[in-house]
Amino acid sequence: MGKRAESEDVDTLRRNVEWALRNALDADEVLPMLAKLARSAEPESDAWVLAHRHLAELAVDRDPWRSAIFARRVVKVDPDDDGAWAVLGLAQTLLGNYRYAVASYRRAIALAPQNPWYAHNLGHLLDVALGKPGDAIALLAEAYKREPKEAEIASSYAHALARAGKLGLAKKVLRRVVAKGATAEQMILWRWLEQGAPGPKNAPEGGPSTPPSRPKSRKRPRTAPAPARRP
């Protein structure tokens, strides 16, 4: 096959992939298409980067190790791709490499400081995984300011506030979530706050943990299932 034919084949593959992504086809249908595009496209070309970026996003829940490989390939070619850095942070969180995840989220925030989910995910990691609620509060406050109606962000913010000794403000933030209908996990968090936010030994059984991640777009990767919150 000549170069022109190969180019046309890649163009067709790319259009098919973009159509599948626009129409939100199931990941099991899109992943093989992306893998084929990644193999067929010229290395480091726009089509190659597109394929690897979306492979990283769609694979992160099922295979974070491979997702991290795909994301690293993208940022090597385009170090200004905030979405790839964020997915790399999510993958490393799932793998338990929390300091690597923190570094990746810091890169994503530096590139897209207006994204509340990057701030949320980094703040939540600092609080839950690294035990630094004081360092987390400013990030979570910024995320909460930008998305005050997001229960996930409010819960993470309330948790960090309580661990940092700001129990009154934590209750105020979480009360708005509970009033609108809380999940079982958020109710556990609320009861913990009502008890005065005791330490791990006195925390309620089944204490709150991070909700599973479900990234919806490269601009809004959600939280990874990190370890259970440690009051």
Protein backbone atom coordinates (compact mmCIF):
# COMPACT_ATOMS: atom_id res chain seq x y z
CA MET A 1 0.00 0.00 0.00
CA GLY A 2 1.36 3.40 -1.02
CA LYS A 3 1.81 6.34 1.33
CA ARG A 4 -1.24 8.11 -0.10
CA ALA A 5 -3.44 5.07 0.48
CA GLU A 6 -2.06 4.68 3.99
CA SER A 7 -2.79 8.34 4.69
CA GLU A 8 -6.35 7.98 3.45
CA ASP A 9 -6.79 4.87 5.60
CA VAL A 10 -5.61 6.77 8.70
CA ASP A 11 -7.90 9.69 7.85
CA THR A 12 -10.83 7.30 7.60
CA LEU A 13 -9.93 5.65 10.89
CA ARG A 14 -9.67 9.04 12.56
CA ARG A 15 -13.06 10.18 11.26
CA ASN A 16 -14.62 6.93 12.47
CA VAL A 17 -13.02 7.35 15.91
CA GLU A 18 -14.16 10.97 16.19
CA TRP A 19 -17.69 9.96 15.21
CA ALA A 20 -17.69 7.18 17.82
CA LEU A 21 -16.48 9.57 20.52
CA ARG A 22 -19.04 12.22 19.60
CA ASN A 23 -21.80 9.65 19.78
CA ALA A 24 -20.54 8.21 23.07
CA LEU A 25 -20.30 4.62 21.88
CA ASP A 26 -19.48 1.99 24.48
CA ALA A 27 -15.82 1.76 25.42
CA ASP A 28 -15.70 -1.86 24.25
CA GLU A 29 -16.53 -0.64 20.75
CA VAL A 30 -14.27 2.41 20.75
CA LEU A 31 -11.12 0.91 22.27
CA PRO A 32 -10.37 -1.44 19.31
CA MET A 33 -10.85 1.48 16.92
CA LEU A 34 -8.46 3.62 18.93
CA ALA A 35 -5.89 0.82 19.11
CA LYS A 36 -6.01 0.40 15.35
CA LEU A 37 -5.59 4.15 14.82
CA ALA A 38 -2.65 4.23 17.24
CA ARG A 39 -0.94 1.41 15.29
CA SER A 40 -1.66 2.89 11.87
CA ALA A 41 -0.90 6.57 12.42
CA GLU A 42 2.55 8.08 12.03
CA PRO A 43 4.19 8.14 15.48
CA GLU A 44 3.71 11.49 17.23
CA SER A 45 1.31 12.73 14.54
CA ASP A 46 -1.97 14.42 15.51
CA ALA A 47 -3.91 11.22 14.86
CA TRP A 48 -1.43 9.21 16.95
CA VAL A 49 -1.72 11.65 19.85
CA LEU A 50 -5.51 11.65 19.63
CA ALA A 51 -5.61 7.86 19.73
CA HIS A 52 -3.25 7.61 22.70
CA ARG A 53 -5.04 10.36 24.63
CA HIS A 54 -8.40 8.63 24.35
CA LEU A 55 -6.90 5.19 24.98
CA ALA A 56 -5.57 6.58 28.25
CA GLU A 57 -8.95 8.01 29.21
CA LEU A 58 -11.05 4.98 28.33
CA ALA A 59 -8.62 2.43 29.77
CA VAL A 60 -7.99 4.13 33.10
CA ASP A 61 -10.67 2.30 35.12
CA ARG A 62 -10.03 -1.15 33.67
CA ASP A 63 -6.25 -1.04 33.21
CA PRO A 64 -4.60 1.97 34.91
CA TRP A 65 -1.10 0.66 34.19
CA ARG A 66 -1.65 0.71 30.42
CA SER A 67 -3.56 3.98 30.74
CA ALA A 68 -0.50 5.53 32.37
CA ILE A 69 1.69 4.32 29.50
CA PHE A 70 -0.63 5.93 26.93
CA ALA A 71 -0.83 9.19 28.90
CA ARG A 72 2.95 9.38 29.28
CA ARG A 73 3.34 8.99 25.53
CA VAL A 74 1.00 11.94 25.00
CA VAL A 75 2.73 14.30 27.43
CA LYS A 76 6.10 13.36 25.99
CA VAL A 77 4.91 14.66 22.62
CA ASP A 78 2.71 17.46 23.97
CA PRO A 79 3.75 18.49 27.51
CA ASP A 80 1.02 21.17 27.47
CA ASP A 81 -1.83 18.63 27.29
CA ASP A 82 -3.53 19.22 30.65
CA GLY A 83 -6.05 16.45 30.08
CA ALA A 84 -3.31 13.85 29.58
CA TRP A 85 -1.57 14.99 32.77
CA ALA A 86 -4.86 14.69 34.65
CA VAL A 87 -5.53 11.20 33.34
CA LEU A 88 -1.97 10.26 34.28
CA GLY A 89 -2.72 11.52 37.79
CA LEU A 90 -5.89 9.44 37.89
CA ALA A 91 -4.07 6.32 36.68
CA GLN A 92 -1.29 6.74 39.22
CA THR A 93 -3.87 7.19 41.97
CA LEU A 94 -5.49 3.90 41.01
CA LEU A 95 -2.05 2.27 41.05
CA GLY A 96 -1.33 3.65 44.51
CA ASN A 97 1.50 5.89 43.36
CA TYR A 98 0.15 8.92 45.19
CA ARG A 99 3.17 11.21 45.01
CA TYR A 100 3.42 10.61 41.27
CA ALA A 101 -0.30 11.36 41.03
CA VAL A 102 0.13 14.60 42.97
CA ALA A 103 2.95 15.71 40.66
CA SER A 104 0.81 14.92 37.60
CA TYR A 105 -2.17 16.87 38.91
CA ARG A 106 0.09 19.82 39.70
CA ARG A 107 1.14 19.87 36.04
CA ALA A 108 -2.50 19.72 34.95
CA ILE A 109 -3.43 22.61 37.27
CA ALA A 110 -0.51 24.71 36.08
CA LEU A 111 -1.80 24.31 32.52
CA ALA A 112 -5.52 24.70 33.31
CA PRO A 113 -5.92 26.53 36.64
CA GLN A 114 -9.62 27.14 36.04
CA ASN A 115 -10.52 23.42 36.05
CA PRO A 116 -12.21 22.63 39.39
CA TRP A 117 -11.80 18.87 39.05
CA TYR A 118 -8.04 19.07 38.85
CA ALA A 119 -8.01 21.14 42.05
CA HIS A 120 -10.46 18.74 43.68
CA ASN A 121 -8.52 15.62 42.80
CA LEU A 122 -5.22 17.05 43.96
CA GLY A 123 -6.72 18.38 47.18
CA HIS A 124 -8.45 15.10 47.89
CA LEU A 125 -5.23 13.16 47.36
CA LEU A 126 -3.34 15.45 49.72
CA ASP A 127 -6.03 14.99 52.37
CA VAL A 128 -6.82 11.29 52.09
CA ALA A 129 -3.74 9.62 50.65
CA LEU A 130 -0.96 11.79 52.07
CA GLY A 131 -2.61 12.96 55.29
CA LYS A 132 -2.16 16.68 54.60
CA PRO A 133 -5.63 18.23 55.02
CA GLY A 134 -4.13 21.66 55.72
CA ASP A 135 -2.45 21.65 52.31
CA ALA A 136 -5.64 20.39 50.69
CA ILE A 137 -8.05 23.06 51.92
CA ALA A 138 -7.07 25.87 49.54
CA LEU A 139 -7.41 23.57 46.52
CA LEU A 140 -10.74 22.14 47.65
CA ALA A 141 -12.05 25.60 48.54
CA GLU A 142 -11.25 26.76 45.01
CA ALA A 143 -12.96 23.72 43.51
CA TYR A 144 -15.99 24.27 45.75
CA LYS A 145 -16.13 27.95 44.78
CA ARG A 146 -16.29 27.00 41.11
CA GLU A 147 -18.67 24.05 41.50
CA PRO A 148 -20.69 24.65 44.71
CA LYS A 149 -23.47 22.27 43.63
CA GLU A 150 -21.19 19.27 43.12
CA ALA A 151 -21.79 16.95 46.08
CA GLU A 152 -18.51 15.09 45.51
CA ILE A 153 -16.49 18.28 45.78
CA ALA A 154 -18.45 19.49 48.81
CA SER A 155 -17.92 16.16 50.61
CA SER A 156 -14.18 16.18 50.00
CA TYR A 157 -13.96 19.81 51.12
CA ALA A 158 -15.94 19.09 54.30
CA HIS A 159 -13.75 16.10 55.11
CA ALA A 160 -10.53 18.10 54.78
CA LEU A 161 -11.97 20.98 56.80
CA ALA A 162 -12.91 18.65 59.64
CA ARG A 163 -9.51 16.97 59.68
CA ALA A 164 -7.90 20.39 59.79
CA GLY A 165 -9.97 21.35 62.87
CA LYS A 166 -12.55 23.53 61.07
CA LEU A 167 -15.56 21.48 62.15
CA GLY A 168 -18.13 24.27 62.04
CA LEU A 169 -17.38 25.18 58.44
CA ALA A 170 -17.24 21.49 57.50
CA LYS A 171 -20.79 21.00 58.81
CA LYS A 172 -22.00 24.09 56.98
CA VAL A 173 -20.61 22.84 53.68
CA LEU A 174 -21.89 19.27 54.02
CA ARG A 175 -25.30 20.31 55.38
CA ARG A 176 -26.21 21.66 51.96
CA VAL A 177 -25.44 18.26 50.43
CA VAL A 178 -27.42 16.34 53.05
CA ALA A 179 -30.40 18.67 52.68
CA LYS A 180 -30.67 17.86 48.98
CA GLY A 181 -30.46 14.09 49.47
CA ALA A 182 -27.19 12.47 50.39
CA THR A 183 -25.70 9.10 49.48
CA ALA A 184 -25.09 6.50 52.18
CA GLU A 185 -21.42 7.43 52.16
CA GLN A 186 -22.17 11.12 52.61
CA MET A 187 -24.46 10.30 55.52
CA ILE A 188 -21.61 8.37 57.16
CA LEU A 189 -19.46 11.47 56.71
CA TRP A 190 -22.24 13.62 58.20
CA ARG A 191 -22.57 11.36 61.26
CA TRP A 192 -18.80 11.51 61.72
CA LEU A 193 -18.99 15.30 61.73
CA GLU A 194 -21.90 15.20 64.19
CA GLN A 195 -19.75 13.09 66.51
CA GLY A 196 -17.08 15.78 66.47
CA ALA A 197 -14.92 14.24 63.72
CA PRO A 198 -13.15 11.72 65.98
CA GLY A 199 -9.87 10.11 65.00
CA PRO A 200 -9.51 6.79 63.12
CA LYS A 201 -9.98 4.62 66.22
CA ASN A 202 -13.41 6.12 66.88
CA ALA A 203 -14.52 6.66 63.30
CA PRO A 204 -17.85 5.07 62.35
CA GLU A 205 -17.62 1.63 60.76
CA GLY A 206 -17.51 1.79 57.00
CA GLY A 207 -16.23 5.36 57.09
CA PRO A 208 -16.41 7.40 53.92
CA SER A 209 -14.22 6.53 50.99
CA THR A 210 -13.74 8.18 47.65
CA PRO A 211 -16.45 7.48 45.05
CA PRO A 212 -15.35 5.55 41.96
CA SER A 213 -14.06 7.62 39.09
CA ARG A 214 -16.04 8.07 35.93
CA PRO A 215 -14.23 10.53 33.67
CA LYS A 216 -16.68 12.24 31.32
CA SER A 217 -14.25 14.24 29.23
CA ARG A 218 -10.58 15.15 29.11
CA LYS A 219 -11.51 18.44 30.75
CA ARG A 220 -13.23 16.78 33.69
CA PRO A 221 -11.53 13.66 34.99
CA ARG A 222 -13.21 12.60 38.21
CA THR A 223 -11.78 11.28 41.41
CA ALA A 224 -10.06 7.92 41.55
CA PRO A 225 -11.05 5.37 44.20
CA ALA A 226 -8.31 6.21 46.66
CA PRO A 227 -8.08 4.50 50.06
CA ALA A 228 -10.85 5.04 52.58
CA ARG A 229 -10.77 8.49 54.08
CA ARG A 230 -8.82 8.54 57.32
CA PRO A 231 -10.62 10.80 59.78
